């Protein structure tokens, strides 16, 4: 399995963080598929997510374009400021 260079990894992390939860799963799943064996574990470390999240994303991608939740995106929860 290949690894991306450091600069590409930084861009990938920034892009990943800009996505919704569902789109993060899908993006990570597609990248893992491109990398092949070991891709899920590599990307889980790179993105700081659970490998199972990426595996869940595989199902999301396989279900496209039929997506029951196509137009729904979970709203971010309220963040409390601690003093």
N, C-alpha and C. Protein backbone atom coordinates (compact mmCIF):
# COMPACT_ATOMS: atom_id res chain seq x y z
N UNK A 1 0.84 -1.18 0.00
CA UNK A 1 0.00 0.00 0.00
C UNK A 1 0.88 1.24 0.00
N UNK A 2 0.49 2.18 -0.81
CA UNK A 2 1.21 3.45 -0.86
C UNK A 2 0.70 4.41 0.21
N UNK A 3 1.54 5.36 0.56
CA UNK A 3 1.15 6.44 1.47
C UNK A 3 1.28 7.74 0.70
N UNK A 4 0.51 8.71 1.11
CA UNK A 4 0.59 10.03 0.49
C UNK A 4 1.72 10.82 1.13
N UNK A 5 2.26 11.79 0.40
CA UNK A 5 3.31 12.60 1.01
C UNK A 5 2.69 13.55 2.04
N UNK A 6 3.53 14.13 2.86
CA UNK A 6 3.10 14.92 4.01
C UNK A 6 2.21 16.09 3.63
N UNK A 7 2.55 16.79 2.55
CA UNK A 7 1.75 17.94 2.13
C UNK A 7 0.35 17.51 1.68
N UNK A 8 0.26 16.42 0.94
CA UNK A 8 -1.04 15.91 0.50
C UNK A 8 -1.86 15.46 1.71
N UNK A 9 -1.21 14.80 2.66
CA UNK A 9 -1.92 14.38 3.87
C UNK A 9 -2.52 15.58 4.60
N UNK A 10 -1.79 16.66 4.69
CA UNK A 10 -2.29 17.86 5.36
C UNK A 10 -3.52 18.41 4.64
N UNK A 11 -3.48 18.45 3.31
CA UNK A 11 -4.64 18.92 2.55
C UNK A 11 -5.83 17.98 2.71
N UNK A 12 -5.55 16.69 2.73
CA UNK A 12 -6.63 15.72 2.91
C UNK A 12 -7.30 15.89 4.27
N UNK A 13 -6.49 16.09 5.32
CA UNK A 13 -7.07 16.29 6.66
C UNK A 13 -7.92 17.55 6.72
N UNK A 14 -7.44 18.63 6.11
CA UNK A 14 -8.22 19.88 6.09
C UNK A 14 -9.54 19.69 5.36
N UNK A 15 -9.47 19.04 4.21
CA UNK A 15 -10.68 18.79 3.44
C UNK A 15 -11.65 17.90 4.23
N UNK A 16 -11.12 16.83 4.82
CA UNK A 16 -11.93 15.90 5.61
C UNK A 16 -12.69 16.63 6.71
N UNK A 17 -11.99 17.53 7.41
CA UNK A 17 -12.62 18.27 8.52
C UNK A 17 -13.70 19.24 8.03
N UNK A 18 -13.65 19.63 6.75
CA UNK A 18 -14.64 20.56 6.22
C UNK A 18 -15.95 19.88 5.83
N UNK A 19 -15.96 18.55 5.81
CA UNK A 19 -17.12 17.80 5.33
C UNK A 19 -18.10 17.47 6.46
N UNK A 20 -19.33 17.16 6.06
CA UNK A 20 -20.31 16.66 7.03
C UNK A 20 -19.90 15.25 7.46
N UNK A 21 -20.50 14.76 8.51
CA UNK A 21 -20.18 13.43 9.03
C UNK A 21 -20.35 12.35 7.96
N UNK A 22 -21.47 12.41 7.25
CA UNK A 22 -21.76 11.43 6.21
C UNK A 22 -20.75 11.52 5.07
N UNK A 23 -20.42 12.74 4.65
CA UNK A 23 -19.47 12.92 3.57
C UNK A 23 -18.06 12.53 3.99
N UNK A 24 -17.74 12.68 5.26
CA UNK A 24 -16.43 12.22 5.76
C UNK A 24 -16.30 10.72 5.57
N UNK A 25 -17.34 9.99 5.97
CA UNK A 25 -17.33 8.53 5.81
C UNK A 25 -17.13 8.15 4.35
N UNK A 26 -17.88 8.80 3.48
CA UNK A 26 -17.81 8.48 2.06
C UNK A 26 -16.44 8.80 1.47
N UNK A 27 -15.91 9.97 1.79
CA UNK A 27 -14.60 10.37 1.28
C UNK A 27 -13.53 9.39 1.75
N UNK A 28 -13.54 9.06 3.03
CA UNK A 28 -12.54 8.14 3.58
C UNK A 28 -12.67 6.76 2.93
N UNK A 29 -13.89 6.32 2.69
CA UNK A 29 -14.10 5.01 2.06
C UNK A 29 -13.55 4.97 0.64
N UNK A 30 -13.77 6.03 -0.11
CA UNK A 30 -13.26 6.08 -1.49
C UNK A 30 -11.74 6.11 -1.49
N UNK A 31 -11.15 6.92 -0.61
CA UNK A 31 -9.68 6.97 -0.53
C UNK A 31 -9.12 5.61 -0.12
N UNK A 32 -9.77 4.94 0.83
CA UNK A 32 -9.30 3.63 1.28
C UNK A 32 -9.37 2.62 0.14
N UNK A 33 -10.41 2.69 -0.67
CA UNK A 33 -10.54 1.77 -1.80
C UNK A 33 -9.42 2.00 -2.81
N UNK A 34 -9.04 3.25 -3.00
CA UNK A 34 -7.94 3.56 -3.92
C UNK A 34 -6.62 2.99 -3.42
N UNK A 35 -6.43 2.96 -2.12
CA UNK A 35 -5.17 2.50 -1.54
C UNK A 35 -5.08 0.98 -1.46
N UNK A 36 -6.21 0.32 -1.38
CA UNK A 36 -6.20 -1.13 -1.28
C UNK A 36 -5.90 -1.62 0.12
N UNK A 37 -5.26 -2.78 0.21
CA UNK A 37 -4.99 -3.43 1.51
C UNK A 37 -4.25 -2.48 2.45
N UNK A 38 -4.78 -2.32 3.66
CA UNK A 38 -4.18 -1.46 4.66
C UNK A 38 -4.66 -0.02 4.60
N UNK A 39 -5.43 0.32 3.56
CA UNK A 39 -5.89 1.69 3.38
C UNK A 39 -6.81 2.17 4.48
N UNK A 40 -7.67 1.29 4.98
CA UNK A 40 -8.61 1.68 6.03
C UNK A 40 -7.85 2.09 7.29
N UNK A 41 -6.90 1.27 7.70
CA UNK A 41 -6.14 1.58 8.92
C UNK A 41 -5.31 2.85 8.76
N UNK A 42 -4.67 3.00 7.61
CA UNK A 42 -3.86 4.19 7.32
C UNK A 42 -4.71 5.45 7.41
N UNK A 43 -5.88 5.43 6.76
CA UNK A 43 -6.73 6.62 6.76
C UNK A 43 -7.39 6.87 8.10
N UNK A 44 -7.70 5.82 8.84
CA UNK A 44 -8.26 6.00 10.18
C UNK A 44 -7.26 6.77 11.04
N UNK A 45 -5.98 6.42 10.93
CA UNK A 45 -4.95 7.17 11.68
C UNK A 45 -4.82 8.58 11.14
N UNK A 46 -4.79 8.73 9.83
CA UNK A 46 -4.62 10.04 9.21
C UNK A 46 -5.74 11.00 9.60
N UNK A 47 -6.98 10.50 9.56
CA UNK A 47 -8.14 11.35 9.84
C UNK A 47 -8.55 11.35 11.30
N UNK A 48 -7.96 10.48 12.10
CA UNK A 48 -8.32 10.42 13.52
C UNK A 48 -9.73 9.89 13.74
N UNK A 49 -10.11 8.94 12.92
CA UNK A 49 -11.45 8.35 13.07
C UNK A 49 -11.32 6.86 13.29
N UNK A 50 -12.41 6.22 13.60
CA UNK A 50 -12.43 4.79 13.80
C UNK A 50 -12.46 4.08 12.45
N UNK A 51 -11.76 2.97 12.33
CA UNK A 51 -11.76 2.21 11.08
C UNK A 51 -13.17 1.76 10.71
N UNK A 52 -14.00 1.50 11.72
CA UNK A 52 -15.38 1.07 11.45
C UNK A 52 -16.17 2.19 10.75
N UNK A 53 -15.84 3.43 11.03
CA UNK A 53 -16.49 4.55 10.36
C UNK A 53 -16.23 4.48 8.86
N UNK A 54 -15.00 4.15 8.49
CA UNK A 54 -14.66 4.05 7.07
C UNK A 54 -15.37 2.85 6.45
N UNK A 55 -15.44 1.76 7.18
CA UNK A 55 -16.17 0.58 6.66
C UNK A 55 -17.64 0.91 6.47
N UNK A 56 -18.22 1.67 7.37
CA UNK A 56 -19.61 2.14 7.24
C UNK A 56 -19.73 2.98 5.97
N UNK A 57 -18.73 3.79 5.70
CA UNK A 57 -18.72 4.62 4.49
C UNK A 57 -18.76 3.82 3.22
N UNK A 58 -18.17 2.63 3.23
CA UNK A 58 -18.22 1.75 2.05
C UNK A 58 -19.67 1.45 1.69
N UNK A 59 -20.46 1.15 2.72
CA UNK A 59 -21.88 0.88 2.48
C UNK A 59 -22.60 2.11 1.95
N UNK A 60 -22.26 3.27 2.48
CA UNK A 60 -22.85 4.52 2.00
C UNK A 60 -22.55 4.71 0.52
N UNK A 61 -21.30 4.48 0.13
CA UNK A 61 -20.89 4.68 -1.26
C UNK A 61 -21.57 3.66 -2.16
N UNK A 62 -21.66 2.41 -1.72
CA UNK A 62 -22.30 1.37 -2.53
C UNK A 62 -23.79 1.65 -2.74
N UNK A 63 -24.41 2.36 -1.80
CA UNK A 63 -25.84 2.66 -1.89
C UNK A 63 -26.13 3.82 -2.84
N UNK A 64 -25.10 4.57 -3.22
CA UNK A 64 -25.32 5.71 -4.13
C UNK A 64 -25.81 5.23 -5.47
N UNK A 65 -26.66 5.92 -6.17
CA UNK A 65 -27.21 7.22 -5.83
C UNK A 65 -28.45 7.14 -4.95
N UNK A 66 -28.87 5.92 -4.59
CA UNK A 66 -30.05 5.76 -3.74
C UNK A 66 -29.66 5.99 -2.29
N UNK A 67 -30.01 7.17 -1.77
CA UNK A 67 -29.66 7.55 -0.42
C UNK A 67 -30.91 8.10 0.25
N UNK A 68 -31.44 7.34 1.21
CA UNK A 68 -32.65 7.77 1.91
C UNK A 68 -32.48 9.11 2.61
N UNK A 69 -31.25 9.42 3.01
CA UNK A 69 -30.98 10.65 3.76
C UNK A 69 -30.25 11.67 2.91
N UNK A 70 -30.49 11.65 1.62
CA UNK A 70 -29.73 12.48 0.69
C UNK A 70 -29.70 13.95 1.06
N UNK A 71 -30.80 14.51 1.41
CA UNK A 71 -30.86 15.95 1.68
C UNK A 71 -30.80 16.28 3.16
N UNK A 72 -30.52 15.29 3.99
CA UNK A 72 -30.46 15.54 5.43
C UNK A 72 -29.01 15.54 5.88
N UNK A 73 -28.68 16.53 6.65
CA UNK A 73 -27.36 16.61 7.28
C UNK A 73 -27.61 16.96 8.73
N UNK A 74 -26.99 16.19 9.62
CA UNK A 74 -27.17 16.47 11.04
C UNK A 74 -26.60 17.83 11.36
N UNK A 75 -27.35 18.56 12.14
CA UNK A 75 -26.86 19.86 12.58
C UNK A 75 -25.85 19.66 13.70
N UNK A 76 -24.87 20.55 13.75
CA UNK A 76 -23.89 20.48 14.81
C UNK A 76 -24.59 20.76 16.14
N UNK A 77 -24.16 20.03 17.16
CA UNK A 77 -24.72 20.23 18.49
C UNK A 77 -24.28 21.56 19.07
N UNK A 78 -24.99 21.99 20.07
CA UNK A 78 -24.66 23.24 20.74
C UNK A 78 -23.37 23.05 21.52
N UNK A 79 -22.46 23.96 21.36
CA UNK A 79 -21.20 23.90 22.09
C UNK A 79 -21.26 24.86 23.26
N UNK A 80 -20.92 24.34 24.43
CA UNK A 80 -20.92 25.18 25.62
C UNK A 80 -19.50 25.68 25.87
N UNK A 81 -19.41 26.89 26.30
CA UNK A 81 -18.11 27.48 26.62
C UNK A 81 -17.89 27.29 28.11
N UNK A 82 -16.77 26.66 28.44
CA UNK A 82 -16.44 26.44 29.85
C UNK A 82 -15.58 27.57 30.35
N UNK A 83 -15.90 28.05 31.52
CA UNK A 83 -15.12 29.15 32.10
C UNK A 83 -14.01 28.61 32.95
